[in-house]
N, C-alpha and C. Protein backbone atom coordinates (compact mmCIF):
# COMPACT_ATOMS: atom_id res chain seq x y z
N MET A 1 -28.02 39.31 54.01
CA MET A 1 -27.82 40.60 54.68
C MET A 1 -28.59 40.61 55.99
N LEU A 2 -27.99 41.16 57.04
CA LEU A 2 -28.65 41.20 58.34
C LEU A 2 -29.88 42.09 58.27
N GLY A 3 -30.90 41.70 58.99
CA GLY A 3 -32.10 42.52 59.07
C GLY A 3 -33.17 42.14 58.06
N GLU A 4 -32.80 41.36 57.01
CA GLU A 4 -33.79 40.95 56.02
C GLU A 4 -34.51 39.70 56.52
N PRO A 5 -35.83 39.63 56.29
CA PRO A 5 -36.56 38.45 56.74
C PRO A 5 -36.12 37.22 55.97
N THR A 6 -36.04 36.11 56.64
CA THR A 6 -35.65 34.86 55.99
C THR A 6 -36.89 34.14 55.50
N ARG A 7 -36.79 33.53 54.32
CA ARG A 7 -37.89 32.75 53.78
C ARG A 7 -37.95 31.40 54.47
N SER A 8 -39.13 30.96 54.71
CA SER A 8 -39.29 29.61 55.24
C SER A 8 -39.66 28.71 54.08
N ARG A 9 -38.69 27.94 53.61
CA ARG A 9 -38.95 27.06 52.47
C ARG A 9 -39.99 26.00 52.84
N VAL A 10 -39.98 25.57 54.09
CA VAL A 10 -40.97 24.59 54.52
C VAL A 10 -42.37 25.19 54.44
N ALA A 11 -42.50 26.42 54.91
CA ALA A 11 -43.81 27.09 54.86
C ALA A 11 -44.25 27.32 53.42
N GLU A 12 -43.33 27.67 52.56
CA GLU A 12 -43.66 27.89 51.16
C GLU A 12 -44.12 26.61 50.49
N ARG A 13 -43.41 25.52 50.79
CA ARG A 13 -43.81 24.23 50.21
C ARG A 13 -45.18 23.81 50.73
N ARG A 14 -45.41 24.05 52.01
CA ARG A 14 -46.71 23.68 52.58
C ARG A 14 -47.82 24.50 51.93
N SER A 15 -47.58 25.80 51.78
CA SER A 15 -48.57 26.66 51.15
C SER A 15 -48.85 26.23 49.72
N SER A 16 -47.80 25.86 49.01
CA SER A 16 -47.94 25.41 47.63
C SER A 16 -48.74 24.11 47.55
N THR A 17 -48.47 23.21 48.50
CA THR A 17 -49.19 21.93 48.52
C THR A 17 -50.66 22.14 48.84
N ILE A 18 -50.94 23.04 49.77
CA ILE A 18 -52.34 23.35 50.12
C ILE A 18 -53.07 23.89 48.90
N ALA A 19 -52.44 24.79 48.18
CA ALA A 19 -53.06 25.35 46.97
C ALA A 19 -53.32 24.27 45.94
N GLU A 20 -52.36 23.33 45.81
CA GLU A 20 -52.52 22.23 44.87
C GLU A 20 -53.70 21.33 45.28
N ILE A 21 -53.83 21.09 46.57
CA ILE A 21 -54.93 20.25 47.07
C ILE A 21 -56.27 20.92 46.80
N VAL A 22 -56.35 22.22 47.07
CA VAL A 22 -57.61 22.94 46.84
C VAL A 22 -57.97 22.93 45.36
N ASP A 23 -57.00 23.15 44.49
CA ASP A 23 -57.26 23.09 43.05
C ASP A 23 -57.75 21.71 42.64
N ALA A 24 -57.13 20.68 43.20
CA ALA A 24 -57.54 19.31 42.89
C ALA A 24 -58.96 19.05 43.39
N ALA A 25 -59.29 19.61 44.54
CA ALA A 25 -60.64 19.44 45.10
C ALA A 25 -61.69 20.03 44.15
N TRP A 26 -61.40 21.20 43.59
CA TRP A 26 -62.33 21.79 42.62
C TRP A 26 -62.48 20.89 41.39
N GLU A 27 -61.37 20.29 40.94
CA GLU A 27 -61.43 19.39 39.78
C GLU A 27 -62.32 18.19 40.08
N VAL A 28 -62.14 17.61 41.25
CA VAL A 28 -62.95 16.46 41.65
C VAL A 28 -64.42 16.87 41.75
N ALA A 29 -64.67 18.05 42.32
CA ALA A 29 -66.05 18.53 42.48
C ALA A 29 -66.72 18.75 41.12
N ARG A 30 -65.95 19.23 40.15
CA ARG A 30 -66.54 19.43 38.82
C ARG A 30 -66.90 18.10 38.16
N THR A 31 -66.19 17.05 38.53
CA THR A 31 -66.47 15.73 37.96
C THR A 31 -67.59 15.01 38.69
N HIS A 32 -67.54 15.05 40.03
CA HIS A 32 -68.46 14.25 40.84
C HIS A 32 -69.54 15.07 41.55
N GLY A 33 -69.50 16.39 41.39
CA GLY A 33 -70.44 17.24 42.12
C GLY A 33 -69.84 17.68 43.44
N ILE A 34 -70.23 18.85 43.91
CA ILE A 34 -69.65 19.39 45.14
C ILE A 34 -69.94 18.48 46.32
N GLY A 35 -71.11 17.83 46.33
CA GLY A 35 -71.45 16.93 47.42
C GLY A 35 -70.78 15.57 47.31
N GLY A 36 -70.23 15.28 46.11
CA GLY A 36 -69.60 13.98 45.89
C GLY A 36 -68.10 14.00 46.11
N LEU A 37 -67.60 15.10 46.66
CA LEU A 37 -66.16 15.23 46.92
C LEU A 37 -65.72 14.24 48.00
N THR A 38 -64.64 13.53 47.76
CA THR A 38 -64.07 12.65 48.79
C THR A 38 -62.58 12.96 48.92
N LEU A 39 -62.07 12.85 50.13
CA LEU A 39 -60.65 13.08 50.36
C LEU A 39 -59.81 12.05 49.62
N ARG A 40 -60.34 10.85 49.47
CA ARG A 40 -59.61 9.80 48.75
C ARG A 40 -59.37 10.23 47.29
N ASP A 41 -60.43 10.76 46.65
CA ASP A 41 -60.28 11.19 45.25
C ASP A 41 -59.34 12.38 45.13
N VAL A 42 -59.41 13.28 46.09
CA VAL A 42 -58.53 14.45 46.07
C VAL A 42 -57.08 14.01 46.26
N ALA A 43 -56.84 13.11 47.21
CA ALA A 43 -55.49 12.62 47.45
C ALA A 43 -54.93 11.94 46.20
N ARG A 44 -55.77 11.15 45.56
CA ARG A 44 -55.32 10.46 44.34
C ARG A 44 -54.96 11.48 43.26
N LYS A 45 -55.72 12.55 43.18
CA LYS A 45 -55.49 13.58 42.16
C LYS A 45 -54.13 14.25 42.34
N VAL A 46 -53.71 14.43 43.58
CA VAL A 46 -52.42 15.09 43.84
C VAL A 46 -51.29 14.09 44.08
N GLY A 47 -51.58 12.80 43.92
CA GLY A 47 -50.53 11.80 44.10
C GLY A 47 -50.12 11.61 45.53
N MET A 48 -51.09 11.65 46.43
CA MET A 48 -50.81 11.56 47.86
C MET A 48 -51.67 10.45 48.47
N ARG A 49 -51.17 9.79 49.48
CA ARG A 49 -51.98 8.81 50.20
C ARG A 49 -53.02 9.55 51.04
N PRO A 50 -54.25 9.05 51.12
CA PRO A 50 -55.30 9.74 51.88
C PRO A 50 -54.91 10.15 53.30
N PRO A 51 -54.22 9.28 54.08
CA PRO A 51 -53.84 9.72 55.44
C PRO A 51 -52.94 10.95 55.44
N SER A 52 -52.12 11.10 54.40
CA SER A 52 -51.21 12.25 54.34
C SER A 52 -51.97 13.56 54.17
N LEU A 53 -53.15 13.46 53.56
CA LEU A 53 -53.95 14.66 53.34
C LEU A 53 -54.36 15.31 54.66
N TYR A 54 -54.49 14.49 55.70
CA TYR A 54 -54.93 15.00 56.99
C TYR A 54 -53.88 15.89 57.66
N SER A 55 -52.66 15.87 57.17
CA SER A 55 -51.66 16.78 57.73
C SER A 55 -51.84 18.19 57.17
N TYR A 56 -52.71 18.31 56.16
CA TYR A 56 -53.01 19.62 55.58
C TYR A 56 -54.44 20.06 55.88
N PHE A 57 -55.36 19.11 55.87
CA PHE A 57 -56.77 19.39 56.20
C PHE A 57 -57.25 18.28 57.12
N ASP A 58 -57.68 18.65 58.33
CA ASP A 58 -58.01 17.62 59.31
C ASP A 58 -59.39 17.01 59.11
N SER A 59 -60.14 17.51 58.13
CA SER A 59 -61.46 16.96 57.82
C SER A 59 -61.88 17.43 56.43
N LYS A 60 -62.90 16.79 55.91
CA LYS A 60 -63.43 17.22 54.61
C LYS A 60 -64.03 18.61 54.72
N ASP A 61 -64.66 18.92 55.86
CA ASP A 61 -65.22 20.25 56.05
C ASP A 61 -64.14 21.33 56.03
N ALA A 62 -62.96 21.00 56.54
CA ALA A 62 -61.85 21.97 56.50
C ALA A 62 -61.44 22.25 55.06
N LEU A 63 -61.48 21.22 54.22
CA LEU A 63 -61.18 21.42 52.80
C LEU A 63 -62.28 22.23 52.14
N TYR A 64 -63.54 21.92 52.45
CA TYR A 64 -64.64 22.73 51.93
C TYR A 64 -64.48 24.19 52.35
N ASP A 65 -64.03 24.41 53.56
CA ASP A 65 -63.87 25.78 54.05
C ASP A 65 -62.81 26.52 53.24
N ALA A 66 -61.72 25.85 52.93
CA ALA A 66 -60.68 26.46 52.11
C ALA A 66 -61.20 26.78 50.72
N MET A 67 -62.01 25.89 50.18
CA MET A 67 -62.61 26.13 48.87
C MET A 67 -63.60 27.30 48.93
N PHE A 68 -64.37 27.35 50.00
CA PHE A 68 -65.33 28.44 50.19
C PHE A 68 -64.60 29.78 50.25
N ALA A 69 -63.53 29.83 51.03
CA ALA A 69 -62.76 31.07 51.15
C ALA A 69 -62.16 31.48 49.81
N GLN A 70 -61.63 30.50 49.07
CA GLN A 70 -61.06 30.81 47.77
C GLN A 70 -62.13 31.35 46.83
N GLY A 71 -63.30 30.73 46.84
CA GLY A 71 -64.40 31.20 45.99
C GLY A 71 -64.82 32.62 46.33
N CYS A 72 -64.88 32.93 47.62
CA CYS A 72 -65.24 34.28 48.05
C CYS A 72 -64.19 35.30 47.61
N ARG A 73 -62.92 34.92 47.72
CA ARG A 73 -61.86 35.83 47.27
C ARG A 73 -61.95 36.06 45.76
N GLU A 74 -62.26 35.02 45.01
CA GLU A 74 -62.44 35.19 43.56
C GLU A 74 -63.59 36.14 43.27
N PHE A 75 -64.66 36.01 44.05
CA PHE A 75 -65.81 36.90 43.86
C PHE A 75 -65.40 38.36 44.12
N LEU A 76 -64.70 38.59 45.22
CA LEU A 76 -64.29 39.95 45.57
C LEU A 76 -63.32 40.52 44.55
N GLU A 77 -62.39 39.70 44.08
CA GLU A 77 -61.43 40.17 43.09
C GLU A 77 -62.12 40.53 41.78
N ALA A 78 -63.07 39.69 41.36
CA ALA A 78 -63.80 39.96 40.13
C ALA A 78 -64.70 41.19 40.29
N HIS A 79 -65.32 41.30 41.46
CA HIS A 79 -66.22 42.43 41.72
C HIS A 79 -65.47 43.75 41.70
N ALA A 80 -64.20 43.73 42.07
CA ALA A 80 -63.40 44.95 42.09
C ALA A 80 -63.27 45.57 40.71
N SER A 81 -63.45 44.76 39.67
CA SER A 81 -63.33 45.27 38.30
C SER A 81 -64.64 45.85 37.77
N VAL A 82 -65.73 45.70 38.55
CA VAL A 82 -67.02 46.23 38.12
C VAL A 82 -67.00 47.76 38.22
N ARG A 83 -67.34 48.42 37.16
CA ARG A 83 -67.33 49.88 37.12
C ARG A 83 -68.75 50.43 37.24
N LEU A 84 -68.96 51.28 38.25
CA LEU A 84 -70.27 51.86 38.49
C LEU A 84 -70.29 53.33 38.06
N THR A 85 -71.50 53.83 37.78
CA THR A 85 -71.65 55.18 37.25
C THR A 85 -72.20 56.18 38.26
N GLY A 86 -72.80 55.66 39.34
CA GLY A 86 -73.46 56.54 40.29
C GLY A 86 -74.95 56.66 40.04
N GLU A 87 -75.42 56.05 38.96
CA GLU A 87 -76.86 56.03 38.66
C GLU A 87 -77.40 54.70 39.17
N THR A 88 -78.32 54.76 40.14
CA THR A 88 -78.69 53.57 40.91
C THR A 88 -79.17 52.42 40.07
N VAL A 89 -80.15 52.63 39.20
CA VAL A 89 -80.72 51.51 38.44
C VAL A 89 -79.67 50.91 37.50
N ALA A 90 -78.91 51.77 36.83
CA ALA A 90 -77.86 51.28 35.93
C ALA A 90 -76.83 50.48 36.71
N ASP A 91 -76.48 50.97 37.89
CA ASP A 91 -75.48 50.27 38.70
C ASP A 91 -76.02 48.95 39.23
N LEU A 92 -77.28 48.93 39.62
CA LEU A 92 -77.88 47.66 40.07
C LEU A 92 -77.90 46.64 38.94
N LYS A 93 -78.19 47.09 37.74
CA LYS A 93 -78.18 46.18 36.59
C LYS A 93 -76.77 45.63 36.37
N THR A 94 -75.78 46.51 36.45
CA THR A 94 -74.40 46.09 36.25
C THR A 94 -73.98 45.06 37.30
N VAL A 95 -74.30 45.35 38.55
CA VAL A 95 -73.93 44.44 39.64
C VAL A 95 -74.66 43.10 39.50
N MET A 96 -75.94 43.15 39.12
CA MET A 96 -76.70 41.91 38.99
C MET A 96 -76.21 41.09 37.80
N ARG A 97 -75.87 41.74 36.70
CA ARG A 97 -75.32 41.01 35.56
C ARG A 97 -74.00 40.33 35.96
N PHE A 98 -73.20 41.07 36.71
CA PHE A 98 -71.94 40.48 37.19
C PHE A 98 -72.22 39.27 38.07
N PHE A 99 -73.14 39.42 39.03
CA PHE A 99 -73.42 38.34 39.98
C PHE A 99 -73.91 37.09 39.26
N VAL A 100 -74.90 37.25 38.39
CA VAL A 100 -75.46 36.08 37.70
C VAL A 100 -74.40 35.45 36.80
N GLY A 101 -73.59 36.28 36.15
CA GLY A 101 -72.52 35.75 35.32
C GLY A 101 -71.49 34.98 36.13
N PHE A 102 -71.13 35.52 37.28
CA PHE A 102 -70.17 34.85 38.17
C PHE A 102 -70.72 33.49 38.61
N CYS A 103 -71.99 33.47 38.96
CA CYS A 103 -72.61 32.22 39.43
C CYS A 103 -72.67 31.17 38.34
N THR A 104 -73.05 31.58 37.14
CA THR A 104 -73.29 30.59 36.08
C THR A 104 -72.02 30.13 35.39
N GLU A 105 -70.91 30.84 35.57
CA GLU A 105 -69.68 30.41 34.89
C GLU A 105 -69.02 29.23 35.59
N ASN A 106 -69.39 28.96 36.83
CA ASN A 106 -68.79 27.87 37.59
C ASN A 106 -69.84 27.31 38.55
N THR A 107 -70.54 26.29 38.11
CA THR A 107 -71.69 25.78 38.85
C THR A 107 -71.32 25.25 40.23
N VAL A 108 -70.23 24.49 40.34
CA VAL A 108 -69.90 23.92 41.64
C VAL A 108 -69.48 25.00 42.63
N ARG A 109 -68.80 26.03 42.14
CA ARG A 109 -68.44 27.15 43.02
C ARG A 109 -69.70 27.86 43.50
N TYR A 110 -70.64 28.06 42.59
CA TYR A 110 -71.91 28.69 42.96
C TYR A 110 -72.63 27.87 44.03
N GLN A 111 -72.67 26.56 43.85
CA GLN A 111 -73.36 25.72 44.82
C GLN A 111 -72.73 25.81 46.20
N LEU A 112 -71.41 25.83 46.26
CA LEU A 112 -70.74 25.89 47.55
C LEU A 112 -70.93 27.25 48.22
N LEU A 113 -70.86 28.33 47.44
CA LEU A 113 -70.95 29.67 48.00
C LEU A 113 -72.37 30.09 48.34
N PHE A 114 -73.34 29.68 47.53
CA PHE A 114 -74.67 30.27 47.65
C PHE A 114 -75.80 29.28 47.90
N GLN A 115 -75.50 28.00 47.94
CA GLN A 115 -76.52 27.01 48.25
C GLN A 115 -76.01 26.11 49.38
N ARG A 116 -76.93 25.36 49.97
CA ARG A 116 -76.53 24.44 51.05
C ARG A 116 -76.62 23.01 50.53
N VAL A 117 -75.66 22.66 49.69
CA VAL A 117 -75.69 21.34 49.07
C VAL A 117 -74.81 20.33 49.80
N VAL A 118 -74.01 20.80 50.76
CA VAL A 118 -73.15 19.90 51.54
C VAL A 118 -73.74 19.78 52.94
N PRO A 119 -74.38 18.67 53.26
CA PRO A 119 -75.02 18.53 54.57
C PRO A 119 -74.06 18.78 55.72
N GLY A 120 -74.45 19.67 56.62
CA GLY A 120 -73.68 19.91 57.83
C GLY A 120 -72.52 20.88 57.69
N PHE A 121 -72.18 21.26 56.46
CA PHE A 121 -71.04 22.17 56.31
C PHE A 121 -71.43 23.61 56.62
N GLU A 122 -70.63 24.25 57.47
CA GLU A 122 -70.77 25.67 57.77
C GLU A 122 -69.39 26.31 57.61
N PRO A 123 -69.30 27.39 56.84
CA PRO A 123 -67.98 28.03 56.70
C PRO A 123 -67.50 28.58 58.03
N SER A 124 -66.20 28.64 58.19
CA SER A 124 -65.63 29.21 59.40
C SER A 124 -65.95 30.70 59.48
N LYS A 125 -65.77 31.26 60.66
CA LYS A 125 -66.02 32.69 60.86
C LYS A 125 -65.18 33.52 59.91
N GLU A 126 -63.93 33.14 59.72
CA GLU A 126 -63.01 33.89 58.86
C GLU A 126 -63.45 33.82 57.40
N SER A 127 -63.86 32.64 56.96
CA SER A 127 -64.29 32.48 55.57
C SER A 127 -65.61 33.19 55.32
N PHE A 128 -66.52 33.09 56.28
CA PHE A 128 -67.83 33.74 56.11
C PHE A 128 -67.69 35.25 56.07
N ALA A 129 -66.69 35.79 56.77
CA ALA A 129 -66.45 37.23 56.74
C ALA A 129 -66.16 37.71 55.32
N LEU A 130 -65.49 36.88 54.52
CA LEU A 130 -65.24 37.23 53.13
C LEU A 130 -66.55 37.31 52.35
N SER A 131 -67.46 36.39 52.64
CA SER A 131 -68.77 36.41 51.99
C SER A 131 -69.55 37.66 52.36
N GLU A 132 -69.49 38.02 53.63
CA GLU A 132 -70.20 39.21 54.09
C GLU A 132 -69.64 40.48 53.47
N GLU A 133 -68.36 40.49 53.18
CA GLU A 133 -67.74 41.66 52.55
C GLU A 133 -68.37 41.92 51.19
N GLY A 134 -68.62 40.86 50.44
CA GLY A 134 -69.26 41.01 49.14
C GLY A 134 -70.67 41.54 49.27
N LEU A 135 -71.39 41.07 50.28
CA LEU A 135 -72.77 41.50 50.49
C LEU A 135 -72.83 42.97 50.90
N ARG A 136 -71.83 43.40 51.66
CA ARG A 136 -71.82 44.81 52.09
C ARG A 136 -71.74 45.78 50.92
N LYS A 137 -71.12 45.35 49.84
CA LYS A 137 -71.04 46.21 48.66
C LYS A 137 -72.43 46.48 48.10
N VAL A 138 -73.28 45.48 48.12
CA VAL A 138 -74.65 45.65 47.62
C VAL A 138 -75.45 46.51 48.58
N VAL A 139 -75.27 46.29 49.88
CA VAL A 139 -75.97 47.10 50.89
C VAL A 139 -75.62 48.58 50.70
N THR A 140 -74.35 48.86 50.50
CA THR A 140 -73.91 50.24 50.30
C THR A 140 -74.56 50.86 49.07
N LEU A 141 -74.67 50.08 48.01
CA LEU A 141 -75.30 50.57 46.78
C LEU A 141 -76.77 50.90 47.03
N LEU A 142 -77.47 50.03 47.74
CA LEU A 142 -78.88 50.30 48.04
C LEU A 142 -79.03 51.52 48.94
N GLN A 143 -78.21 51.60 49.96
CA GLN A 143 -78.31 52.71 50.91
C GLN A 143 -78.01 54.05 50.24
N SER A 144 -77.15 54.04 49.23
CA SER A 144 -76.81 55.29 48.54
C SER A 144 -78.02 55.88 47.83
N SER A 145 -79.04 55.05 47.56
CA SER A 145 -80.26 55.55 46.92
C SER A 145 -81.38 55.72 47.94
N GLY A 146 -81.05 55.61 49.22
CA GLY A 146 -82.04 55.80 50.27
C GLY A 146 -82.81 54.57 50.65
N VAL A 147 -82.44 53.41 50.13
CA VAL A 147 -83.13 52.16 50.45
C VAL A 147 -82.43 51.52 51.65
N THR A 148 -83.09 51.54 52.80
CA THR A 148 -82.50 51.00 54.01
C THR A 148 -83.28 49.82 54.59
N ASP A 149 -84.41 49.51 54.00
CA ASP A 149 -85.23 48.38 54.45
C ASP A 149 -84.48 47.08 54.15
N ALA A 150 -84.21 46.29 55.17
CA ALA A 150 -83.45 45.05 55.00
C ALA A 150 -84.15 44.08 54.06
N ARG A 151 -85.48 44.19 53.95
CA ARG A 151 -86.20 43.29 53.05
C ARG A 151 -85.81 43.49 51.59
N ALA A 152 -85.38 44.70 51.25
CA ALA A 152 -84.97 44.98 49.88
C ALA A 152 -83.75 44.14 49.50
N LEU A 153 -82.81 44.02 50.44
CA LEU A 153 -81.64 43.19 50.17
C LEU A 153 -82.04 41.73 50.03
N ASP A 154 -82.94 41.27 50.89
CA ASP A 154 -83.42 39.89 50.78
C ASP A 154 -84.05 39.64 49.42
N LEU A 155 -84.86 40.58 48.97
CA LEU A 155 -85.53 40.43 47.68
C LEU A 155 -84.52 40.44 46.54
N LEU A 156 -83.55 41.33 46.63
CA LEU A 156 -82.55 41.43 45.56
C LEU A 156 -81.71 40.16 45.46
N THR A 157 -81.27 39.62 46.60
CA THR A 157 -80.48 38.39 46.56
C THR A 157 -81.32 37.21 46.08
N ALA A 158 -82.60 37.21 46.40
CA ALA A 158 -83.48 36.14 45.92
C ALA A 158 -83.63 36.21 44.40
N ILE A 159 -83.72 37.42 43.87
CA ILE A 159 -83.79 37.59 42.42
C ILE A 159 -82.52 37.09 41.76
N GLY A 160 -81.38 37.48 42.32
CA GLY A 160 -80.10 37.07 41.73
C GLY A 160 -79.91 35.57 41.71
N THR A 161 -80.12 34.93 42.85
CA THR A 161 -79.93 33.48 42.90
C THR A 161 -81.03 32.76 42.12
N GLY A 162 -82.22 33.35 42.07
CA GLY A 162 -83.29 32.75 41.28
C GLY A 162 -82.95 32.72 39.80
N LEU A 163 -82.44 33.84 39.29
CA LEU A 163 -82.03 33.88 37.88
C LEU A 163 -80.89 32.89 37.63
N ALA A 164 -79.93 32.87 38.54
CA ALA A 164 -78.80 31.94 38.38
C ALA A 164 -79.27 30.49 38.41
N ASP A 165 -80.14 30.15 39.36
CA ASP A 165 -80.66 28.79 39.46
C ASP A 165 -81.36 28.36 38.18
N GLN A 166 -82.22 29.24 37.69
CA GLN A 166 -82.99 28.92 36.48
C GLN A 166 -82.06 28.75 35.28
N GLN A 167 -81.06 29.62 35.18
CA GLN A 167 -80.14 29.54 34.06
C GLN A 167 -79.34 28.24 34.10
N ILE A 168 -78.83 27.91 35.28
CA ILE A 168 -78.03 26.69 35.43
C ILE A 168 -78.88 25.44 35.20
N SER A 169 -80.10 25.46 35.73
CA SER A 169 -80.95 24.26 35.68
C SER A 169 -81.59 24.03 34.32
N ASN A 170 -81.98 25.11 33.65
CA ASN A 170 -82.82 24.96 32.47
C ASN A 170 -82.20 25.41 31.15
N ASP A 171 -81.09 26.14 31.21
CA ASP A 171 -80.45 26.57 29.97
C ASP A 171 -78.95 26.70 30.19
N PRO A 172 -78.29 25.62 30.65
CA PRO A 172 -76.86 25.71 30.94
C PRO A 172 -76.06 26.13 29.72
N GLY A 173 -75.22 27.12 29.91
CA GLY A 173 -74.41 27.60 28.80
C GLY A 173 -75.11 28.61 27.92
N GLY A 174 -76.39 28.84 28.19
CA GLY A 174 -77.17 29.78 27.38
C GLY A 174 -77.32 31.12 28.07
N SER A 175 -78.38 31.85 27.69
CA SER A 175 -78.58 33.19 28.24
C SER A 175 -80.06 33.52 28.47
N ARG A 176 -80.90 32.50 28.49
CA ARG A 176 -82.35 32.74 28.59
C ARG A 176 -82.71 33.55 29.83
N TRP A 177 -82.21 33.14 30.99
CA TRP A 177 -82.53 33.86 32.23
C TRP A 177 -81.57 35.01 32.49
N ILE A 178 -80.34 34.89 32.06
CA ILE A 178 -79.40 36.01 32.17
C ILE A 178 -79.97 37.22 31.43
N GLY A 179 -80.63 36.95 30.31
CA GLY A 179 -81.22 38.02 29.51
C GLY A 179 -82.37 38.75 30.19
N LEU A 180 -82.87 38.19 31.28
CA LEU A 180 -83.97 38.84 32.02
C LEU A 180 -83.46 39.74 33.14
N THR A 181 -82.16 39.81 33.31
CA THR A 181 -81.59 40.53 34.45
C THR A 181 -82.02 41.99 34.50
N ASP A 182 -81.89 42.71 33.41
CA ASP A 182 -82.23 44.13 33.41
C ASP A 182 -83.71 44.35 33.72
N ASP A 183 -84.57 43.52 33.11
CA ASP A 183 -86.02 43.65 33.38
C ASP A 183 -86.31 43.38 34.85
N ALA A 184 -85.64 42.37 35.41
CA ALA A 184 -85.87 42.04 36.82
C ALA A 184 -85.45 43.19 37.73
N ILE A 185 -84.36 43.86 37.42
CA ILE A 185 -83.89 44.98 38.24
C ILE A 185 -84.86 46.16 38.13
N GLU A 186 -85.37 46.42 36.94
CA GLU A 186 -86.33 47.53 36.80
C GLU A 186 -87.58 47.26 37.62
N MET A 187 -88.07 46.02 37.59
CA MET A 187 -89.23 45.66 38.40
C MET A 187 -88.91 45.77 39.88
N PHE A 188 -87.74 45.26 40.26
CA PHE A 188 -87.31 45.33 41.66
C PHE A 188 -87.26 46.77 42.14
N TYR A 189 -86.61 47.63 41.39
CA TYR A 189 -86.41 49.00 41.86
C TYR A 189 -87.72 49.77 41.92
N ALA A 190 -88.60 49.54 40.95
CA ALA A 190 -89.90 50.21 40.98
C ALA A 190 -90.69 49.79 42.22
N TYR A 191 -90.64 48.50 42.54
CA TYR A 191 -91.35 48.01 43.71
C TYR A 191 -90.74 48.56 45.00
N VAL A 192 -89.41 48.53 45.07
CA VAL A 192 -88.73 49.02 46.27
C VAL A 192 -89.01 50.49 46.52
N GLN A 193 -89.02 51.28 45.45
CA GLN A 193 -89.28 52.71 45.62
C GLN A 193 -90.67 52.97 46.16
N GLN A 194 -91.59 52.10 45.84
CA GLN A 194 -92.96 52.28 46.30
C GLN A 194 -93.22 51.69 47.68
N HIS A 195 -92.56 50.57 47.97
CA HIS A 195 -92.90 49.83 49.19
C HIS A 195 -91.78 49.69 50.23
N MET A 196 -90.53 49.89 49.84
CA MET A 196 -89.43 49.60 50.75
C MET A 196 -88.39 50.72 50.78
N LYS A 197 -88.80 51.92 50.62
CA LYS A 197 -87.84 53.01 50.53
C LYS A 197 -87.08 53.21 51.84
N GLY A 198 -87.80 53.15 52.96
CA GLY A 198 -87.17 53.36 54.27
C GLY A 198 -87.18 52.11 55.09
N GLU A 199 -87.16 52.28 56.40
CA GLU A 199 -87.21 51.15 57.32
C GLU A 199 -88.60 50.53 57.31
N PRO A 200 -88.73 49.21 57.47
CA PRO A 200 -90.03 48.58 57.54
C PRO A 200 -90.77 49.00 58.79
N GLU A 201 -92.10 49.06 58.69
CA GLU A 201 -92.89 49.43 59.87
C GLU A 201 -92.99 48.25 60.83
């Protein structure tokens, strides 16, 4: 029918192949570590010659960037299901439990999103904007309780990644550090209310 947009089968196939490559890259990373990813292994996983991979990703960093963006989108999609009550401490506990759970359920994704384990890799401006969107949700939650000191956000993110790091490193698959989340938030909020309620001097 005239006026209807035409599908580009070539574009659809390309998009499908890119998604397949990114999925394969995560599989390779789970086997060899995020820093041990090679385009050769990814190409082999999808049944492609390594030079052909460059028609989809012109470098390994470009593939890392696609993985980073996908991980950020997964974070945002999962975070959208978090239900808040409007009570600051309870909501901070909920958000922190979600964050630590998200980090510990997929170690290689956590390393790519929240650690610098790939030498020289920097996400693109577009991909990093997705990461910042997630952070803004936490900033909004803090500001709603009158906490505007930027150091409070730094402290909160340090607590979250610290719990995740300890859980992944020392009790993988367990709950030893995840179980400390609520206590950590209570300590954090008590300290913030006393020392970081407004802007830093």
